[in-house]
Amino acid sequence: MQAWRVHRNGEPGEVMRLEETDRPTPGGGQVLVEVRAANVNFPDALLCRGQYQVRPPLPFTPGVEVCGTTEDGRRVLATPALPHGGFADYVVADEAALLPAPVALDDAEAAALHVGYQTGWFGLHRRANLQPGETLLVHAAAGGVGSAAVQLGKAAGAQVIGVVGGPDKAAVARELGCDLVIDRRSEDLVAAVKEATGGRGADVVYDPVGGDAYAKSTKCVAFEGRILVVGFASGVIPTPALNHALVKNYSVVGLHWGLYNTKDPGAVRACHEELTKLAEQGIVKPLISERVAMAGAADAVQRVADGTSTGRIVVLPGGAR
């Protein structure tokens, strides 16, 4: 089979190599899955760089979520068992963690409904306790993780402010349904949020960026607001000033969605059922900006790493849709 493999850590475009290799062999409790679509995530870039919280042994194949078909014909969503990641013709995955692919979505859309939307749902509802009528500020609102949070925030009845970098991404965020879009390159983010909220600030901040995005969030978070730390796409991990959190009476809340797979797998399945219903109703629909052939995977991961993409880029092995 074909698989993209990383033999040394570095930038995705430099270290990912498309190779012929053997199919992975399932271990106990695992199944073989033929990949129909593999979604590109920022953690794939971190894996290539050796900067992710999980460091698989070299060589490995990146790709943390797929839509595929099991040997008994089930169409499923899976998080492949590293080092055999999703940018390959076949992966192995834990049987217990497989989720049924929503019928309402095609393979690329289904692959993109998994990690990003689960992260958004658990973050907004379990960790930040977002309420109808509250204001949600989403950083990188036109990206894969951010676009999911925008849709889920609107579904929860929140007023959603999207933060983007550049006019093209601003247009995408508006199409997603943001009530207000702020271009951080040309606008004063803090002043714009305060003006839009009558000086109150955002009740919940969804931050997959870190760095300057986090610093500005602390200046426009509301009384009893919650800053949800999802990731650090900027490459800068902020150091929270806890005295500031005390004085302004806001919370800094972390989310590592992967822990729910081991700590509370039942909650993951319940979340997937809710997301499937929202997809069937057309309330959420993953934003797929590009569908690329297997040969384009390394370039796709690099573009996500560089922050130049919008929505989700999905890699389609032969025969997928």
C-alpha atoms as a PDB file:
ATOM      1  CA  MET A   1       0.000   0.000   0.000  1.00  0.00           C
ATOM      2  CA  GLN A   2       0.986   3.678  -0.175  1.00  0.00           C
ATOM      3  CA  ALA A   3       1.663   5.700   2.954  1.00  0.00           C
ATOM      4  CA  TRP A   4       3.270   9.033   3.776  1.00  0.00           C
ATOM      5  CA  ARG A   5       6.063   8.411   6.268  1.00  0.00           C
ATOM      6  CA  VAL A   6       8.281  10.624   8.402  1.00  0.00           C
ATOM      7  CA  HIS A   7      11.836   9.348   9.002  1.00  0.00           C
ATOM      8  CA  ARG A   8      13.144  12.471  10.753  1.00  0.00           C
ATOM      9  CA  ASN A   9      11.468  15.403  12.465  1.00  0.00           C
ATOM     10  CA  GLY A  10      11.099  18.711  10.660  1.00  0.00           C
ATOM     11  CA  GLU A  11       8.722  20.750   8.521  1.00  0.00           C
ATOM     12  CA  PRO A  12       6.017  18.545   6.910  1.00  0.00           C
ATOM     13  CA  GLY A  13       6.899  19.571   3.355  1.00  0.00           C
ATOM     14  CA  GLU A  14      10.489  18.508   3.938  1.00  0.00           C
ATOM     15  CA  VAL A  15      10.160  15.297   5.947  1.00  0.00           C
ATOM     16  CA  MET A  16       7.003  13.578   4.653  1.00  0.00           C
ATOM     17  CA  ARG A  17       7.767  10.953   1.993  1.00  0.00           C
ATOM     18  CA  LEU A  18       5.240   8.906  -0.011  1.00  0.00           C
ATOM     19  CA  GLU A  19       6.358   5.273   0.092  1.00  0.00           C
ATOM     20  CA  GLU A  20       5.242   1.745  -0.655  1.00  0.00           C
ATOM     21  CA  THR A  21       4.917  -0.207   2.561  1.00  0.00           C
ATOM     22  CA  ASP A  22       3.122  -3.193   4.069  1.00  0.00           C
ATOM     23  CA  ARG A  23      -0.376  -2.914   5.424  1.00  0.00           C
ATOM     24  CA  PRO A  24      -0.413  -2.515   9.216  1.00  0.00           C
ATOM     25  CA  THR A  25      -1.441  -5.588  11.187  1.00  0.00           C
ATOM     26  CA  PRO A  26      -4.235  -5.155  13.768  1.00  0.00           C
ATOM     27  CA  GLY A  27      -3.370  -6.064  17.341  1.00  0.00           C
ATOM     28  CA  GLY A  28      -5.724  -7.159  20.072  1.00  0.00           C
ATOM     29  CA  GLY A  29      -8.971  -5.187  20.004  1.00  0.00           C
ATOM     30  CA  GLN A  30      -8.005  -3.473  16.753  1.00  0.00           C
ATOM     31  CA  VAL A  31      -9.419  -3.586  13.223  1.00  0.00           C
ATOM     32  CA  LEU A  32      -8.040  -2.818   9.776  1.00  0.00           C
ATOM     33  CA  VAL A  33      -9.704   0.178   8.112  1.00  0.00           C
ATOM     34  CA  GLU A  34      -9.431   1.127   4.434  1.00  0.00           C
ATOM     35  CA  VAL A  35      -9.073   4.911   4.314  1.00  0.00           C
ATOM     36  CA  ARG A  36     -11.644   6.797   2.253  1.00  0.00           C
ATOM     37  CA  ALA A  37     -10.752  10.283   3.522  1.00  0.00           C
ATOM     38  CA  ALA A  38      -8.111  11.608   5.925  1.00  0.00           C
ATOM     39  CA  ASN A  39      -8.565  15.064   7.395  1.00  0.00           C
ATOM     40  CA  VAL A  40      -5.536  17.341   7.832  1.00  0.00           C
ATOM     41  CA  ASN A  41      -5.149  18.756  11.348  1.00  0.00           C
ATOM     42  CA  PHE A  42      -2.598  21.095  12.911  1.00  0.00           C
ATOM     43  CA  PRO A  43      -1.416  18.252  15.198  1.00  0.00           C
ATOM     44  CA  ASP A  44      -0.199  16.475  12.043  1.00  0.00           C
ATOM     45  CA  ALA A  45       2.315  19.288  11.589  1.00  0.00           C
ATOM     46  CA  LEU A  46       3.300  19.075  15.251  1.00  0.00           C
ATOM     47  CA  LEU A  47       3.815  15.327  14.874  1.00  0.00           C
ATOM     48  CA  CYS A  48       6.142  15.932  11.936  1.00  0.00           C
ATOM     49  CA  ARG A  49       8.076  18.500  13.972  1.00  0.00           C
ATOM     50  CA  GLY A  50       8.271  16.255  17.009  1.00  0.00           C
ATOM     51  CA  GLN A  51       6.377  18.838  19.055  1.00  0.00           C
ATOM     52  CA  TYR A  52       3.123  17.016  19.754  1.00  0.00           C
ATOM     53  CA  GLN A  53       2.263  15.604  23.191  1.00  0.00           C
ATOM     54  CA  VAL A  54       2.492  12.148  21.611  1.00  0.00           C
ATOM     55  CA  ARG A  55       5.774  11.284  19.885  1.00  0.00           C
ATOM     56  CA  PRO A  56       5.452   8.093  17.836  1.00  0.00           C
ATOM     57  CA  PRO A  57       8.631   6.192  16.987  1.00  0.00           C
ATOM     58  CA  LEU A  58      10.285   6.989  13.649  1.00  0.00           C
ATOM     59  CA  PRO A  59       9.337   6.251  10.943  1.00  0.00           C
ATOM     60  CA  PHE A  60       5.646   7.003  11.351  1.00  0.00           C
ATOM     61  CA  THR A  61       2.670   8.102   9.257  1.00  0.00           C
ATOM     62  CA  PRO A  62       0.810  11.264  10.363  1.00  0.00           C
ATOM     63  CA  GLY A  63      -2.947  11.662  10.065  1.00  0.00           C
ATOM     64  CA  VAL A  64      -5.041  11.674  13.239  1.00  0.00           C
ATOM     65  CA  GLU A  65      -8.578  11.148  11.889  1.00  0.00           C
ATOM     66  CA  VAL A  66     -10.121   9.280   8.978  1.00  0.00           C
ATOM     67  CA  CYS A  67     -13.353   8.126   7.467  1.00  0.00           C
ATOM     68  CA  GLY A  68     -12.974   4.597   6.191  1.00  0.00           C
ATOM     69  CA  THR A  69     -14.430   1.150   5.712  1.00  0.00           C
ATOM     70  CA  THR A  70     -13.838  -1.885   7.917  1.00  0.00           C
ATOM     71  CA  GLU A  71     -13.314  -5.357   6.497  1.00  0.00           C
ATOM     72  CA  ASP A  72     -16.920  -6.225   7.356  1.00  0.00           C
ATOM     73  CA  GLY A  73     -18.194  -3.235   5.350  1.00  0.00           C
ATOM     74  CA  ARG A  74     -18.942  -0.640   8.032  1.00  0.00           C
ATOM     75  CA  ARG A  75     -18.357   3.022   7.155  1.00  0.00           C
ATOM     76  CA  VAL A  76     -16.732   4.502  10.230  1.00  0.00           C
ATOM     77  CA  LEU A  77     -14.812   7.386  11.735  1.00  0.00           C
ATOM     78  CA  ALA A  78     -11.543   6.397  13.350  1.00  0.00           C
ATOM     79  CA  THR A  79      -8.525   7.861  15.092  1.00  0.00           C
ATOM     80  CA  PRO A  80      -5.710   5.659  13.736  1.00  0.00           C
ATOM     81  CA  ALA A  81      -3.308   3.979  16.109  1.00  0.00           C
ATOM     82  CA  LEU A  82       0.063   5.664  15.627  1.00  0.00           C
ATOM     83  CA  PRO A  83       2.630   5.086  14.200  1.00  0.00           C
ATOM     84  CA  HIS A  84       0.212   4.030  11.412  1.00  0.00           C
ATOM     85  CA  GLY A  85      -1.594   7.345  10.825  1.00  0.00           C
ATOM     86  CA  GLY A  86      -4.260   8.262   8.334  1.00  0.00           C
ATOM     87  CA  PHE A  87      -2.295   9.457   5.293  1.00  0.00           C
ATOM     88  CA  ALA A  88      -2.194   5.909   3.971  1.00  0.00           C
ATOM     89  CA  ASP A  89      -4.376   3.440   2.102  1.00  0.00           C
ATOM     90  CA  TYR A  90      -5.021   1.443   5.288  1.00  0.00           C
ATOM     91  CA  VAL A  91      -4.838   2.079   9.030  1.00  0.00           C
ATOM     92  CA  VAL A  92      -5.480   0.120  12.197  1.00  0.00           C
ATOM     93  CA  ALA A  93      -7.767   1.518  14.883  1.00  0.00           C
ATOM     94  CA  ASP A  94      -9.218   0.444  18.197  1.00  0.00           C
ATOM     95  CA  GLU A  95     -12.546  -1.285  17.623  1.00  0.00           C
ATOM     96  CA  ALA A  96     -14.035   0.239  20.782  1.00  0.00           C
ATOM     97  CA  ALA A  97     -13.329   3.793  19.580  1.00  0.00           C
ATOM     98  CA  LEU A  98     -14.884   3.474  16.111  1.00  0.00           C
ATOM     99  CA  LEU A  99     -17.852   5.732  15.434  1.00  0.00           C
ATOM    100  CA  PRO A 100     -20.452   5.318  12.674  1.00  0.00           C
ATOM    101  CA  ALA A 101     -19.936   7.812   9.845  1.00  0.00           C
ATOM    102  CA  PRO A 102     -22.953  10.129   9.483  1.00  0.00           C
ATOM    103  CA  VAL A 103     -25.042   9.222   6.447  1.00  0.00           C
ATOM    104  CA  ALA A 104     -25.772  12.910   5.809  1.00  0.00           C
ATOM    105  CA  LEU A 105     -22.097  13.664   5.122  1.00  0.00           C
ATOM    106  CA  ASP A 106     -19.786  12.471   2.373  1.00  0.00           C
ATOM    107  CA  ASP A 107     -16.444  10.891   3.243  1.00  0.00           C
ATOM    108  CA  ALA A 108     -14.459  14.136   3.402  1.00  0.00           C
ATOM    109  CA  GLU A 109     -17.105  15.900   5.488  1.00  0.00           C
ATOM    110  CA  ALA A 110     -17.464  12.933   7.803  1.00  0.00           C
ATOM    111  CA  ALA A 111     -13.725  12.739   8.414  1.00  0.00           C
ATOM    112  CA  ALA A 112     -13.763  16.418   9.379  1.00  0.00           C
ATOM    113  CA  LEU A 113     -16.676  16.031  11.817  1.00  0.00           C
ATOM    114  CA  HIS A 114     -14.641  14.036  14.282  1.00  0.00           C
ATOM    115  CA  VAL A 115     -11.784  15.618  16.273  1.00  0.00           C
ATOM    116  CA  GLY A 116     -12.463  19.301  15.517  1.00  0.00           C
ATOM    117  CA  TYR A 117     -16.185  19.139  16.266  1.00  0.00           C
ATOM    118  CA  GLN A 118     -15.729  16.907  19.297  1.00  0.00           C
ATOM    119  CA  THR A 119     -13.167  19.408  20.574  1.00  0.00           C
ATOM    120  CA  GLY A 120     -15.594  22.243  19.967  1.00  0.00           C
ATOM    121  CA  TRP A 121     -18.529  20.487  21.615  1.00  0.00           C
ATOM    122  CA  PHE A 122     -16.636  19.379  24.724  1.00  0.00           C
ATOM    123  CA  GLY A 123     -14.898  22.730  24.978  1.00  0.00           C
ATOM    124  CA  LEU A 124     -17.980  24.889  24.669  1.00  0.00           C
ATOM    125  CA  HIS A 125     -20.405  22.715  26.616  1.00  0.00           C
ATOM    126  CA  ARG A 126     -18.445  20.605  29.092  1.00  0.00           C
ATOM    127  CA  ARG A 127     -15.579  22.962  29.882  1.00  0.00           C
ATOM    128  CA  ALA A 128     -16.848  26.502  29.240  1.00  0.00           C
ATOM    129  CA  ASN A 129     -20.568  25.904  29.901  1.00  0.00           C
ATOM    130  CA  LEU A 130     -21.647  28.204  27.062  1.00  0.00           C
ATOM    131  CA  GLN A 131     -25.213  29.501  27.541  1.00  0.00           C
ATOM    132  CA  PRO A 132     -27.756  30.791  25.014  1.00  0.00           C
ATOM    133  CA  GLY A 133     -27.442  34.540  24.567  1.00  0.00           C
ATOM    134  CA  GLU A 134     -23.818  34.684  25.684  1.00  0.00           C
ATOM    135  CA  THR A 135     -21.093  36.129  23.482  1.00  0.00           C
ATOM    136  CA  LEU A 136     -18.541  33.677  22.097  1.00  0.00           C
ATOM    137  CA  LEU A 137     -15.263  34.958  20.680  1.00  0.00           C
ATOM    138  CA  VAL A 138     -13.565  32.495  18.319  1.00  0.00           C
ATOM    139  CA  HIS A 139      -9.955  32.976  17.271  1.00  0.00           C
ATOM    140  CA  ALA A 140      -8.912  31.615  13.843  1.00  0.00           C
ATOM    141  CA  ALA A 141     -12.612  31.459  12.999  1.00  0.00           C
ATOM    142  CA  ALA A 142     -12.034  30.520   9.350  1.00  0.00           C
ATOM    143  CA  GLY A 143      -9.764  27.575  10.198  1.00  0.00           C
ATOM    144  CA  GLY A 144     -10.694  23.947  10.737  1.00  0.00           C
ATOM    145  CA  VAL A 145     -11.038  24.070  14.525  1.00  0.00           C
ATOM    146  CA  GLY A 146     -12.398  27.620  14.571  1.00  0.00           C
ATOM    147  CA  SER A 147     -15.044  27.034  11.904  1.00  0.00           C
ATOM    148  CA  ALA A 148     -16.398  24.096  13.921  1.00  0.00           C
ATOM    149  CA  ALA A 149     -16.586  26.277  17.046  1.00  0.00           C
ATOM    150  CA  VAL A 150     -18.440  28.996  15.122  1.00  0.00           C
ATOM    151  CA  GLN A 151     -21.101  26.561  13.918  1.00  0.00           C
ATOM    152  CA  LEU A 152     -21.464  24.919  17.335  1.00  0.00           C
ATOM    153  CA  GLY A 153     -21.644  28.308  19.040  1.00  0.00           C
ATOM    154  CA  LYS A 154     -24.458  29.418  16.747  1.00  0.00           C
ATOM    155  CA  ALA A 155     -26.229  26.095  17.313  1.00  0.00           C
ATOM    156  CA  ALA A 156     -26.032  26.761  21.067  1.00  0.00           C
ATOM    157  CA  GLY A 157     -27.703  30.154  20.687  1.00  0.00           C
ATOM    158  CA  ALA A 158     -24.621  32.307  21.267  1.00  0.00           C
ATOM    159  CA  GLN A 159     -23.681  35.566  19.598  1.00  0.00           C
ATOM    160  CA  VAL A 160     -20.476  34.677  17.776  1.00  0.00           C
ATOM    161  CA  ILE A 161     -17.581  37.023  17.081  1.00  0.00           C
ATOM    162  CA  GLY A 162     -14.994  35.572  14.722  1.00  0.00           C
ATOM    163  CA  VAL A 163     -11.371  36.718  14.625  1.00  0.00           C
ATOM    164  CA  VAL A 164      -9.428  36.157  11.409  1.00  0.00           C
ATOM    165  CA  GLY A 165      -6.315  37.326   9.610  1.00  0.00           C
ATOM    166  CA  GLY A 166      -7.059  38.904   6.235  1.00  0.00           C
ATOM    167  CA  PRO A 167     -10.087  39.776   4.078  1.00  0.00           C
ATOM    168  CA  ASP A 168     -10.363  36.357   2.409  1.00  0.00           C
ATOM    169  CA  LYS A 169     -10.682  34.630   5.753  1.00  0.00           C
ATOM    170  CA  ALA A 170     -13.083  37.333   6.911  1.00  0.00           C
ATOM    171  CA  ALA A 171     -15.393  36.455   4.023  1.00  0.00           C
ATOM    172  CA  VAL A 172     -15.281  32.784   5.002  1.00  0.00           C
ATOM    173  CA  ALA A 173     -16.117  33.607   8.625  1.00  0.00           C
ATOM    174  CA  ARG A 174     -19.122  35.684   7.553  1.00  0.00           C
ATOM    175  CA  GLU A 175     -20.398  32.826   5.415  1.00  0.00           C
ATOM    176  CA  LEU A 176     -20.102  30.535   8.425  1.00  0.00           C
ATOM    177  CA  GLY A 177     -22.576  32.741  10.269  1.00  0.00           C
ATOM    178  CA  CYS A 178     -20.458  34.930  12.544  1.00  0.00           C
ATOM    179  CA  ASP A 179     -22.469  37.851  13.882  1.00  0.00           C
ATOM    180  CA  LEU A 180     -19.341  40.010  13.771  1.00  0.00           C
ATOM    181  CA  VAL A 181     -15.987  39.397  12.089  1.00  0.00           C
ATOM    182  CA  ILE A 182     -12.804  41.137  13.247  1.00  0.00           C
ATOM    183  CA  ASP A 183      -9.727  41.204  11.021  1.00  0.00           C
ATOM    184  CA  ARG A 184      -6.893  41.238  13.537  1.00  0.00           C
ATOM    185  CA  ARG A 185      -4.517  42.582  10.873  1.00  0.00           C
ATOM    186  CA  SER A 186      -6.439  45.799  10.313  1.00  0.00           C
ATOM    187  CA  GLU A 187      -8.638  46.246  13.397  1.00  0.00           C
ATOM    188  CA  ASP A 188      -8.146  46.725  17.122  1.00  0.00           C
ATOM    189  CA  LEU A 189      -9.477  43.408  18.429  1.00  0.00           C
ATOM    190  CA  VAL A 190      -9.947  44.503  22.028  1.00  0.00           C
ATOM    191  CA  ALA A 191     -11.725  47.752  21.139  1.00  0.00           C
ATOM    192  CA  ALA A 192     -13.963  46.008  18.597  1.00  0.00           C
ATOM    193  CA  VAL A 193     -15.056  43.325  21.084  1.00  0.00           C
ATOM    194  CA  LYS A 194     -15.813  45.889  23.775  1.00  0.00           C
ATOM    195  CA  GLU A 195     -17.773  48.038  21.345  1.00  0.00           C
ATOM    196  CA  ALA A 196     -19.806  45.065  20.113  1.00  0.00           C
ATOM    197  CA  THR A 197     -20.641  43.966  23.654  1.00  0.00           C
ATOM    198  CA  GLY A 198     -21.382  47.357  25.154  1.00  0.00           C
ATOM    199  CA  GLY A 199     -18.181  47.245  27.148  1.00  0.00           C
ATOM    200  CA  ARG A 200     -18.938  43.887  28.760  1.00  0.00           C
ATOM    201  CA  GLY A 201     -16.557  41.704  26.757  1.00  0.00           C
ATOM    202  CA  ALA A 202     -16.833  38.090  25.585  1.00  0.00           C
ATOM    203  CA  ASP A 203     -18.335  35.512  27.929  1.00  0.00           C
ATOM    204  CA  VAL A 204     -16.410  32.655  26.340  1.00  0.00           C
ATOM    205  CA  VAL A 205     -13.198  32.865  24.321  1.00  0.00           C
ATOM    206  CA  TYR A 206     -12.274  29.874  22.144  1.00  0.00           C
ATOM    207  CA  ASP A 207      -8.518  30.007  21.636  1.00  0.00           C
ATOM    208  CA  PRO A 208      -6.667  27.471  19.480  1.00  0.00           C
ATOM    209  CA  VAL A 209      -3.918  30.028  18.778  1.00  0.00           C
ATOM    210  CA  GLY A 210      -2.205  31.122  22.008  1.00  0.00           C
ATOM    211  CA  GLY A 211       0.447  33.835  21.961  1.00  0.00           C
ATOM    212  CA  ASP A 212      -0.883  37.300  21.189  1.00  0.00           C
ATOM    213  CA  ALA A 213      -4.426  35.962  20.733  1.00  0.00           C
ATOM    214  CA  TYR A 214      -4.480  34.832  24.354  1.00  0.00           C
ATOM    215  CA  ALA A 215      -2.947  38.089  25.601  1.00  0.00           C
ATOM    216  CA  LYS A 216      -5.628  40.157  23.871  1.00  0.00           C
ATOM    217  CA  SER A 217      -8.357  37.810  25.061  1.00  0.00           C
ATOM    218  CA  THR A 218      -7.550  38.625  28.667  1.00  0.00           C
ATOM    219  CA  LYS A 219      -8.210  42.292  27.874  1.00  0.00           C
ATOM    220  CA  CYS A 220     -11.687  41.724  26.476  1.00  0.00           C
ATOM    221  CA  VAL A 221     -13.071  38.803  28.483  1.00  0.00           C
ATOM    222  CA  ALA A 222     -16.238  39.511  30.447  1.00  0.00           C
ATOM    223  CA  PHE A 223     -16.851  39.366  34.193  1.00  0.00           C
ATOM    224  CA  GLU A 224     -17.070  35.645  35.011  1.00  0.00           C
ATOM    225  CA  GLY A 225     -15.890  34.904  31.473  1.00  0.00           C
ATOM    226  CA  ARG A 226     -14.082  31.728  30.445  1.00  0.00           C
ATOM    227  CA  ILE A 227     -11.003  31.594  28.226  1.00  0.00           C
ATOM    228  CA  LEU A 228     -10.892  28.134  26.688  1.00  0.00           C
ATOM    229  CA  VAL A 229      -7.358  27.029  25.835  1.00  0.00           C
ATOM    230  CA  VAL A 230      -7.550  24.558  22.936  1.00  0.00           C
ATOM    231  CA  GLY A 231      -4.103  24.781  21.318  1.00  0.00           C
ATOM    232  CA  PHE A 232      -1.148  26.916  20.358  1.00  0.00           C
ATOM    233  CA  ALA A 233      -1.159  27.270  16.578  1.00  0.00           C
ATOM    234  CA  SER A 234       0.913  30.441  16.906  1.00  0.00           C
ATOM    235  CA  GLY A 235       3.751  28.368  18.344  1.00  0.00           C
ATOM    236  CA  VAL A 236       3.780  30.519  21.490  1.00  0.00           C
ATOM    237  CA  ILE A 237       2.468  29.008  24.729  1.00  0.00           C
ATOM    238  CA  PRO A 238       1.278  31.882  26.931  1.00  0.00           C
ATOM    239  CA  THR A 239       2.086  32.225  30.613  1.00  0.00           C
ATOM    240  CA  PRO A 240      -1.158  33.260  32.310  1.00  0.00           C
ATOM    241  CA  ALA A 241      -0.981  36.091  34.843  1.00  0.00           C
ATOM    242  CA  LEU A 242      -3.083  34.535  37.600  1.00  0.00           C
ATOM    243  CA  ASN A 243      -3.280  37.811  39.483  1.00  0.00           C
ATOM    244  CA  HIS A 244      -5.045  39.258  36.412  1.00  0.00           C
ATOM    245  CA  ALA A 245      -7.513  36.352  36.374  1.00  0.00           C
ATOM    246  CA  LEU A 246      -8.178  37.004  40.056  1.00  0.00           C
ATOM    247  CA  VAL A 247      -8.700  40.748  39.719  1.00  0.00           C
ATOM    248  CA  LYS A 248     -10.948  40.488  36.630  1.00  0.00           C
ATOM    249  CA  ASN A 249     -12.764  37.380  37.878  1.00  0.00           C
ATOM    250  CA  TYR A 250     -12.392  35.168  34.784  1.00  0.00           C
ATOM    251  CA  SER A 251     -11.418  31.532  34.340  1.00  0.00           C
ATOM    252  CA  VAL A 252      -8.713  29.941  32.206  1.00  0.00           C
ATOM    253  CA  VAL A 253      -9.940  26.484  31.171  1.00  0.00           C
ATOM    254  CA  GLY A 254      -7.940  23.812  29.378  1.00  0.00           C
ATOM    255  CA  LEU A 255      -9.192  21.144  27.006  1.00  0.00           C
ATOM    256  CA  HIS A 256      -7.392  18.017  25.810  1.00  0.00           C
ATOM    257  CA  TRP A 257     -10.149  16.170  23.967  1.00  0.00           C
ATOM    258  CA  GLY A 258      -8.130  12.974  23.595  1.00  0.00           C
ATOM    259  CA  LEU A 259      -8.390  12.323  27.336  1.00  0.00           C
ATOM    260  CA  TYR A 260     -12.120  11.734  26.991  1.00  0.00           C
ATOM    261  CA  ASN A 261     -11.403   8.656  24.873  1.00  0.00           C
ATOM    262  CA  THR A 262      -9.777   7.031  27.886  1.00  0.00           C
ATOM    263  CA  LYS A 263     -11.451   8.800  30.825  1.00  0.00           C
ATOM    264  CA  ASP A 264     -15.046   8.947  29.561  1.00  0.00           C
ATOM    265  CA  PRO A 265     -15.560   7.143  26.228  1.00  0.00           C
ATOM    266  CA  GLY A 266     -19.307   7.094  26.788  1.00  0.00           C
ATOM    267  CA  ALA A 267     -19.344  10.878  26.635  1.00  0.00           C
ATOM    268  CA  VAL A 268     -17.496  10.750  23.297  1.00  0.00           C
ATOM    269  CA  ARG A 269     -20.193   8.493  21.844  1.00  0.00           C
ATOM    270  CA  ALA A 270     -22.971  10.667  23.216  1.00  0.00           C
ATOM    271  CA  CYS A 271     -21.301  13.721  21.698  1.00  0.00           C
ATOM    272  CA  HIS A 272     -21.040  11.947  18.332  1.00  0.00           C
ATOM    273  CA  GLU A 273     -24.753  11.161  18.429  1.00  0.00           C
ATOM    274  CA  GLU A 274     -25.496  14.838  19.055  1.00  0.00           C
ATOM    275  CA  LEU A 275     -23.155  15.940  16.250  1.00  0.00           C
ATOM    276  CA  THR A 276     -24.727  13.416  13.886  1.00  0.00           C
ATOM    277  CA  LYS A 277     -28.172  14.840  14.625  1.00  0.00           C
ATOM    278  CA  LEU A 278     -26.916  18.387  14.009  1.00  0.00           C
ATOM    279  CA  ALA A 279     -25.394  17.245  10.698  1.00  0.00           C
ATOM    280  CA  GLU A 280     -28.622  15.510   9.664  1.00  0.00           C
ATOM    281  CA  GLN A 281     -30.540  18.721  10.391  1.00  0.00           C
ATOM    282  CA  GLY A 282     -28.053  20.779   8.388  1.00  0.00           C
ATOM    283  CA  ILE A 283     -27.170  22.849  11.445  1.00  0.00           C
ATOM    284  CA  VAL A 284     -23.488  21.948  11.224  1.00  0.00           C
ATOM    285  CA  LYS A 285     -21.578  21.049   8.077  1.00  0.00           C
ATOM    286  CA  PRO A 286     -17.778  20.806   8.010  1.00  0.00           C
ATOM    287  CA  LEU A 287     -16.196  23.463   5.830  1.00  0.00           C
ATOM    288  CA  ILE A 288     -14.108  21.546   3.292  1.00  0.00           C
ATOM    289  CA  SER A 289     -11.929  23.998   1.424  1.00  0.00           C
ATOM    290  CA  GLU A 290      -9.964  21.425  -0.560  1.00  0.00           C
ATOM    291  CA  ARG A 291     -10.059  17.742  -1.425  1.00  0.00           C
ATOM    292  CA  VAL A 292      -6.598  16.633  -2.518  1.00  0.00           C
ATOM    293  CA  ALA A 293      -5.267  13.383  -3.910  1.00  0.00           C
ATOM    294  CA  MET A 294      -2.857  11.279  -1.871  1.00  0.00           C
ATOM    295  CA  ALA A 295       0.106  12.832  -3.688  1.00  0.00           C
ATOM    296  CA  GLY A 296      -0.805  16.262  -2.295  1.00  0.00           C
ATOM    297  CA  ALA A 297      -0.809  15.335   1.402  1.00  0.00           C
ATOM    298  CA  ALA A 298       2.596  16.753   2.365  1.00  0.00           C
ATOM    299  CA  ASP A 299       1.855  20.105   0.736  1.00  0.00           C
ATOM    300  CA  ALA A 300      -1.552  20.181   2.453  1.00  0.00           C
ATOM    301  CA  VAL A 301      -0.072  19.555   5.905  1.00  0.00           C
ATOM    302  CA  GLN A 302       2.533  22.257   5.284  1.00  0.00           C
ATOM    303  CA  ARG A 303      -0.122  24.811   4.336  1.00  0.00           C
ATOM    304  CA  VAL A 304      -2.080  24.029   7.489  1.00  0.00           C
ATOM    305  CA  ALA A 305       1.164  24.382   9.464  1.00  0.00           C
ATOM    306  CA  ASP A 306       1.784  27.777   7.840  1.00  0.00           C
ATOM    307  CA  GLY A 307      -1.745  28.993   8.606  1.00  0.00           C
ATOM    308  CA  THR A 308      -2.566  29.774   4.975  1.00  0.00           C
ATOM    309  CA  SER A 309      -5.531  27.403   4.634  1.00  0.00           C
ATOM    310  CA  THR A 310      -9.190  27.894   5.491  1.00  0.00           C
ATOM    311  CA  GLY A 311     -11.602  25.271   6.748  1.00  0.00           C
ATOM    312  CA  ARG A 312     -10.426  21.705   6.309  1.00  0.00           C
ATOM    313  CA  ILE A 313      -8.175  20.159   3.700  1.00  0.00           C
ATOM    314  CA  VAL A 314      -8.946  16.475   3.240  1.00  0.00           C
ATOM    315  CA  VAL A 315      -6.737  13.859   1.609  1.00  0.00           C
ATOM    316  CA  LEU A 316      -8.593  11.348  -0.573  1.00  0.00           C
ATOM    317  CA  PRO A 317      -6.933   8.044  -1.458  1.00  0.00           C
ATOM    318  CA  GLY A 318      -8.033   6.442  -4.733  1.00  0.00           C
ATOM    319  CA  GLY A 319     -11.717   5.647  -4.976  1.00  0.00           C
ATOM    320  CA  ALA A 320     -12.841   7.971  -2.191  1.00  0.00           C
ATOM    321  CA  ARG A 321     -15.253  10.840  -2.588  1.00  0.00           C
END
